[in-house]
Amino acid sequence: MSDITPLFAALPDHDAQEMGRILAPRFDANGLVTAVVVDERTHDVVMLAHMNAEALAKTIETGVATYWSRSRKSLWVKGETSGNRQIVRRLRVDCDQDAVLLEVEVEGAGASCHRGFHSCFYRSVPVGTPLGPETRLDFVETDPAFDPAKVYGCGHDHSKG
């Protein structure tokens, strides 16, 4: 989006930011807001990503989740390669507009993780136990919805999803 017109408003104060009706995301020093992604059907948190102004604008305009890849420094449409696109059913902003919550319908196999799982949060950490260098994670998902090697092929950057 090369237009020099700002995509989002700048608001005069905290009250306008936190209680107003104008979308005015507070992007961080890198120009990003955090995006928490939830499956609208299961309510599982399926992904955490980041959006710059262009990604957020494209998501709002198209209804398809678009993110900013910090590693590749480029936009990416989730599911563009895997077929597991995220169709945004609802988009919320938090109280001070520095994070967004996307409620999505996941197309294809229903996997949001590049490893083939429904959620990127497919392992749990045992809480309330002694922590050590050998603290083991428990898998809460054990059967990926797709085989990443078949979908992405060898040497592919799986984070593109």
Protein backbone atom coordinates (compact mmCIF):
# COMPACT_ATOMS: atom_id res chain seq x y z
CA MET A 1 0.00 0.00 0.00
CA SER A 2 2.03 2.88 -1.28
CA ASP A 3 -0.57 5.60 -0.73
CA ILE A 4 0.87 8.15 1.71
CA THR A 5 -2.55 8.65 3.30
CA PRO A 6 -2.48 7.01 6.73
CA LEU A 7 -4.45 3.77 6.88
CA PHE A 8 -5.54 4.34 10.46
CA ALA A 9 -6.37 7.37 12.57
CA ALA A 10 -4.16 8.89 15.25
CA LEU A 11 -6.16 9.72 18.34
CA PRO A 12 -5.52 12.64 20.71
CA ASP A 13 -5.54 10.87 24.08
CA HIS A 14 -5.94 7.64 26.08
CA ASP A 15 -9.68 8.10 26.54
CA ALA A 16 -10.22 8.34 22.79
CA GLN A 17 -7.92 5.33 22.29
CA GLU A 18 -9.54 3.17 24.95
CA MET A 19 -13.18 4.20 24.90
CA GLY A 20 -13.73 5.66 21.43
CA ARG A 21 -15.22 4.14 18.31
CA ILE A 22 -12.35 4.90 15.92
CA LEU A 23 -9.93 2.13 14.89
CA ALA A 24 -6.48 3.51 15.70
CA PRO A 25 -4.07 0.60 16.28
CA ARG A 26 -1.00 1.34 18.39
CA PHE A 27 1.80 -0.27 16.41
CA ASP A 28 5.03 -0.99 18.31
CA ALA A 29 8.49 0.40 17.49
CA ASN A 30 8.73 -2.16 14.66
CA GLY A 31 5.37 -1.11 13.23
CA LEU A 32 3.57 -4.25 14.44
CA VAL A 33 0.57 -5.28 16.53
CA THR A 34 0.23 -8.73 18.05
CA ALA A 35 -2.52 -10.90 16.55
CA VAL A 36 -4.05 -13.67 18.66
CA VAL A 37 -5.93 -16.13 16.46
CA VAL A 38 -8.81 -18.26 17.77
CA ASP A 39 -10.79 -20.98 15.98
CA GLU A 40 -14.37 -19.67 15.98
CA ARG A 41 -15.82 -23.16 16.36
CA THR A 42 -13.60 -24.72 19.04
CA HIS A 43 -12.43 -21.48 20.68
CA ASP A 44 -8.89 -22.89 20.70
CA VAL A 45 -6.08 -20.37 20.41
CA VAL A 46 -4.57 -21.64 17.18
CA MET A 47 -1.87 -19.11 16.46
CA LEU A 48 -0.03 -15.98 17.51
CA ALA A 49 1.28 -13.72 14.78
CA HIS A 50 2.03 -10.09 13.99
CA MET A 51 0.50 -7.56 11.63
CA ASN A 52 1.78 -4.32 10.24
CA ALA A 53 -0.64 -1.65 8.99
CA GLU A 54 -0.82 -3.18 5.51
CA ALA A 55 -1.50 -6.71 6.81
CA LEU A 56 -4.22 -5.43 9.13
CA ALA A 57 -5.80 -3.38 6.35
CA LYS A 58 -5.74 -6.35 3.92
CA THR A 59 -7.27 -8.60 6.58
CA ILE A 60 -10.08 -6.12 7.21
CA GLU A 61 -10.68 -5.49 3.50
CA THR A 62 -10.55 -9.12 2.29
CA GLY A 63 -11.73 -11.10 5.32
CA VAL A 64 -8.74 -13.44 4.87
CA ALA A 65 -6.05 -13.42 7.57
CA THR A 66 -2.89 -11.72 6.34
CA TYR A 67 0.17 -11.35 8.56
CA TRP A 68 3.62 -9.82 8.58
CA SER A 69 6.47 -12.33 8.64
CA ARG A 70 9.19 -10.95 10.87
CA SER A 71 11.72 -13.49 9.55
CA ARG A 72 11.05 -12.89 5.85
CA LYS A 73 10.06 -9.23 6.27
CA SER A 74 7.06 -9.64 3.99
CA LEU A 75 3.30 -10.10 4.01
CA TRP A 76 1.88 -13.62 3.95
CA VAL A 77 -1.63 -14.93 3.64
CA LYS A 78 -2.09 -17.78 6.09
CA GLY A 79 -2.86 -20.98 4.19
CA GLU A 80 -1.72 -19.67 0.82
CA THR A 81 0.47 -22.77 0.36
CA SER A 82 -1.25 -25.35 2.57
CA GLY A 83 -4.86 -24.55 1.66
CA ASN A 84 -5.68 -23.93 5.32
CA ARG A 85 -6.65 -20.28 4.90
CA GLN A 86 -8.09 -18.45 7.87
CA ILE A 87 -11.38 -16.74 7.05
CA VAL A 88 -11.96 -13.97 9.58
CA ARG A 89 -15.42 -14.10 11.11
CA ARG A 90 -14.78 -11.48 13.78
CA LEU A 91 -11.92 -9.10 14.53
CA ARG A 92 -11.55 -7.37 17.90
CA VAL A 93 -9.05 -4.90 19.30
CA ASP A 94 -7.93 -4.86 22.92
CA CYS A 95 -8.52 -1.93 25.28
CA ASP A 96 -5.53 0.18 24.19
CA GLN A 97 -5.53 -1.10 20.59
CA ASP A 98 -2.05 -2.63 20.62
CA ALA A 99 -3.29 -6.18 19.98
CA VAL A 100 -5.99 -7.76 17.86
CA LEU A 101 -8.02 -10.93 18.27
CA LEU A 102 -9.12 -12.78 15.14
CA GLU A 103 -11.89 -15.35 15.33
CA VAL A 104 -11.41 -17.48 12.24
CA GLU A 105 -12.80 -20.39 10.29
CA VAL A 106 -9.88 -22.51 9.12
CA GLU A 107 -10.35 -23.94 5.63
CA GLY A 108 -8.87 -27.16 4.27
CA ALA A 109 -7.72 -29.68 6.86
CA GLY A 110 -8.45 -27.17 9.63
CA ALA A 111 -4.81 -26.87 10.65
CA SER A 112 -3.29 -23.51 11.56
CA CYS A 113 0.19 -24.77 12.43
CA HIS A 114 2.87 -25.26 9.77
CA ARG A 115 3.61 -28.61 11.48
CA GLY A 116 0.16 -29.85 10.48
CA PHE A 117 -1.56 -29.46 13.85
CA HIS A 118 -4.86 -27.69 14.47
CA SER A 119 -3.10 -25.22 16.78
CA CYS A 120 0.45 -23.95 17.04
CA PHE A 121 -0.01 -24.54 20.77
CA TYR A 122 0.07 -28.34 20.48
CA ARG A 123 2.26 -28.94 23.55
CA SER A 124 1.70 -28.11 27.22
CA VAL A 125 4.13 -27.26 30.00
CA PRO A 126 3.63 -29.05 33.32
CA VAL A 127 2.74 -26.32 35.82
CA GLY A 128 3.33 -26.77 39.54
CA THR A 129 6.28 -29.13 39.13
CA PRO A 130 9.99 -28.44 39.69
CA LEU A 131 11.59 -26.72 36.70
CA GLY A 132 14.86 -28.02 35.34
CA PRO A 133 16.89 -28.37 32.14
CA GLU A 134 15.04 -31.60 31.36
CA THR A 135 11.51 -30.24 31.81
CA ARG A 136 9.45 -32.21 29.33
CA LEU A 137 6.53 -30.98 27.27
CA ASP A 138 3.32 -32.97 26.88
CA PHE A 139 1.68 -33.24 23.48
CA VAL A 140 -1.99 -32.20 23.63
CA GLU A 141 -2.34 -32.87 19.90
CA THR A 142 -0.72 -36.01 18.54
CA ASP A 143 -2.12 -36.45 15.03
CA PRO A 144 -1.32 -33.69 12.54
CA ALA A 145 -4.10 -32.89 10.06
CA PHE A 146 -1.58 -32.94 7.20
CA ASP A 147 2.01 -34.00 6.50
CA PRO A 148 4.16 -30.85 6.18
CA ALA A 149 6.75 -32.66 4.01
CA LYS A 150 4.07 -33.51 1.43
CA VAL A 151 2.45 -30.07 1.52
CA TYR A 152 5.59 -27.93 1.52
CA GLY A 153 8.20 -30.26 0.06
CA CYS A 154 11.85 -30.43 1.07
CA GLY A 155 13.62 -27.27 2.09
CA HIS A 156 10.45 -25.18 2.22
CA ASP A 157 10.10 -22.52 4.91
CA HIS A 158 7.21 -24.07 6.86
CA SER A 159 6.39 -20.82 8.62
CA LYS A 160 4.62 -19.61 5.45
CA GLY A 161 1.68 -21.97 6.17
